[in-house]
Amino acid sequence: MGDRRTAPVRHGPRQVRGDRLHDDAVLLARGLRLGLLRARQRVRRAVPARLRLPAHLAFRHRIHPPRLRDHGVRQRPYAVHVRAAVLGEGRAVLRKTMMSRFTRGASRLAAPLALVLLPACSDEPATTPPPAEIDIFDRLQAIPGMVVTEENSGVEGYRYFVMEYEQPADHGAEGGPVFQQRLLLHHRDEAAPFVLGTSGYNVNPTRQRLREPASFLQANQLFVEQRFFTPSRPEPADWSLLTIEQAAADHHRIVDVLKPIYTGKWISSGASKGGMTSVYHRRFFPDDVDGTVAYVAPHSFGTQDARYLDFVASLGSSTCKDALRYFQREVLLRRTAMLERIDAQATMDGLTYELLGREKALEVATLQLVFTFWQYYDESICPDMTVAPTDDDVWTFLDEIVSPSLFSDEEFLTYEPYYWQAATELGYPAVEESHIADLLQFPGIDVPETYLTPGKTPVFDATVMQDISTWISAEGERLLFVYGETDPYTAAAFELGNAKDSYLFLAPGLNHSASIVDLSEPDRTKALDALEAWTGVTPVLPPETAIRERRTRRDPD
C-alpha cells in the first residue's frame, strides 16, 4: 500500500503501528469476508485470547450521528459487535460481524478490531492455541441495544449485571419511539438453567437475592422491570401501549437475544403481579420457556371483583374479625387526630398529598386495612379489644398494616402503571365498606381509577382476562401455581381447567408470602419433581435457617 503510515491506535497499553495491519483492518471494516480470507493467509501465531475493545467501541457508549437523526433514519448504536473470535489452526471464525451506521472513522474502528481478529506476524512456527473464551460481560455487551454495567455481587458464586435493553414502545409499529428497559442479571454459568423473573413492577438494583426457583436450581436469574415503571418508560408515554400483550413482547425480545448465550433450560417465574405477568408472557409466546412458576398470582374479573368479599369475610376468628372492624371505625371516628398524624409524618418524611389528598388517603387506608391485614399478617397480631386504645394506638396499628403514606404523591406515582393496568385489563378486588358506610366521606373510592393522575380515561376490557382463562384451559402446559391458604388473593386464583402437566398448590396457613418451601411435604415433592422434569436439574432446597429467614419477610418469592 505504498509508504502510507497511520497514527498509533491505542489498545489499552498497546500501540499498533504499520502499513499491513492498517490495510488488513480497513479490509475487515469494508468487507469482513475478504478481510478474513486474507487474515487466514497470514496466520503465524495467535494473539492473546482476550483483548478488550477500547472504550470508544464499547456498546455502553451510545453515539448517534446528527445527519442520521436529522433525516429520520432509525439509528443503531455506534459499536462493533463481536460475539466470538476463535483462533486455532490458522482459522478465524467471527460469529457476530461488525455493525456500524457510520462512514467516518473507518481506520479507528478497523485497527482495534484487527487486534482481536488477526494473529501477529512472525517467522516463528505456528502454534495451536485453545479456543478463545469470550467473557460473559463482552457477550452481553455485544447484543445490539444492550447496555451492561457489572456491579459487586451480593450472591456467592454469581456475577451481577445491571443492564438496559432498548425496546420499542409499540411492538407493532416499526421505527417508532423506544425506551430503555432495566434488567438485573445474576450470572452463574451459560449452561446452567435460566430463570426469567417477571417482576410486574419496578426492580431494585440494590436488593440482591436469588428467588425460588433459581436458588433451587443454582440457575442464572434475570429480573425484568415492567414497562412504564420508571425508569423503564417511553417519553412521552402513550399509556394505551401499557398492555399485557406489549409487555409479553418485551419479554419475548429479551428471551430471543439471551437464548443464544444461555443454553440451559428456561423457567419463567414471578410473584403476585409478577406471577400474573409470567402467565401472560406464556399466553402470547408459549414456547419461550420450558415451564412457569407463578406465586400468589390473582386472576381478577372486573374492577370490583366480588369473589374477594366472601373470601376475606371467611378469614380469622370472630374475635379477630370484630377487632379489625372496630379499629376501622375508630380510625374514622378519630379523623382529626389521624389527619394530624398524617401531617406530622409527611413533615418528617418529606411527603406530599397533592394528587389524592390526605383525607382520601386516610379513607383508602382504612378501607384496605382488613384485606391487607390478612394479605401480610395473621391472627397472632390482631388488636386487643380488652383495653381501650389511645389515638396513638389506633394510628400505630393503621400505619403498620396499611400506612396512609402509601397514597402520598411519591408512592402514588410509583404505582400508577399498576393501577392503569388494573383499570384497563387486570381487574381489581372489591372491598367491604358496609360496616363503616356511615363514616365515609368518599364512598366507593377504592377503585383503580382513583389512583390515576388527572386526564387519564381508562376503559376496562373484560375480554382480556377471559382470553387468558380460555388459553390456560385449552392450551396451557407446564404451569405451576403456588397460593397461600389465608391470602385474600387466593380468592381469584387461576384455574387450570384442562392445562397439561400443570399444578396448583395451596400452602397451609400461609398468606401472600407463600412459596414452594411452605407447601406440605407431598405437594413440595410434586413441585420439585415438576421443576426437575422441566429442567433436567435436581432442585436442592436451601438450609432450614434460610427458609425461616424467608418466612419473616412480607414479600413472596
Foldseek 3Di string as FASTA:
>chain_A
DPPDWDDWADQPPDTDTDDVLLVLLLCCLVPVVVSQVVLLVQAFEAAPLDGDFDPVQFLQDFDFDPVCVVVLHDDWGAHFAFQFWWDFPSHTDTDGGGDHPDPPDSSNVRNSVCSNHHGDGDPDGYDGDGTRDDDPQSNQRSQTQKRWDWDDAPDPQWTKIWMWGWDALAPVDPSHFIFTKIKIKTDHALAFEEEEFEELAADDNVDDDDAPPCQQRVHIYMYTHFEPQPPNYTVVHDLVSLALVNRLVVVLVVLVSSCVRRVFFYEYEYEASRLVSVLSNCLVVVPSGLAYEYELYFQAFAQAGALLAVLLVPDDDPVLVVLLLVLLQVCLVPVVLLLVVVVVVCVVVVFAAPFLDLSVLSNLLSQCQSQQCLQFHHPVPRDDPPDDDDSVRSNVSSCVRRNSSCNTPVNLSSCLSVLLCCQAERHHYHTDDPSPVVRDPDPPCPTSVSSHGPPDDHHYDRVRSVSSLVCQQPPAENYEYEAEPRESSVSRDRDNNNYYNYYYFYQYPDHSQDDLVRGDPVSSVSVQVSVCVSGVGRTDDDDPVVVVVSRVDRHHD
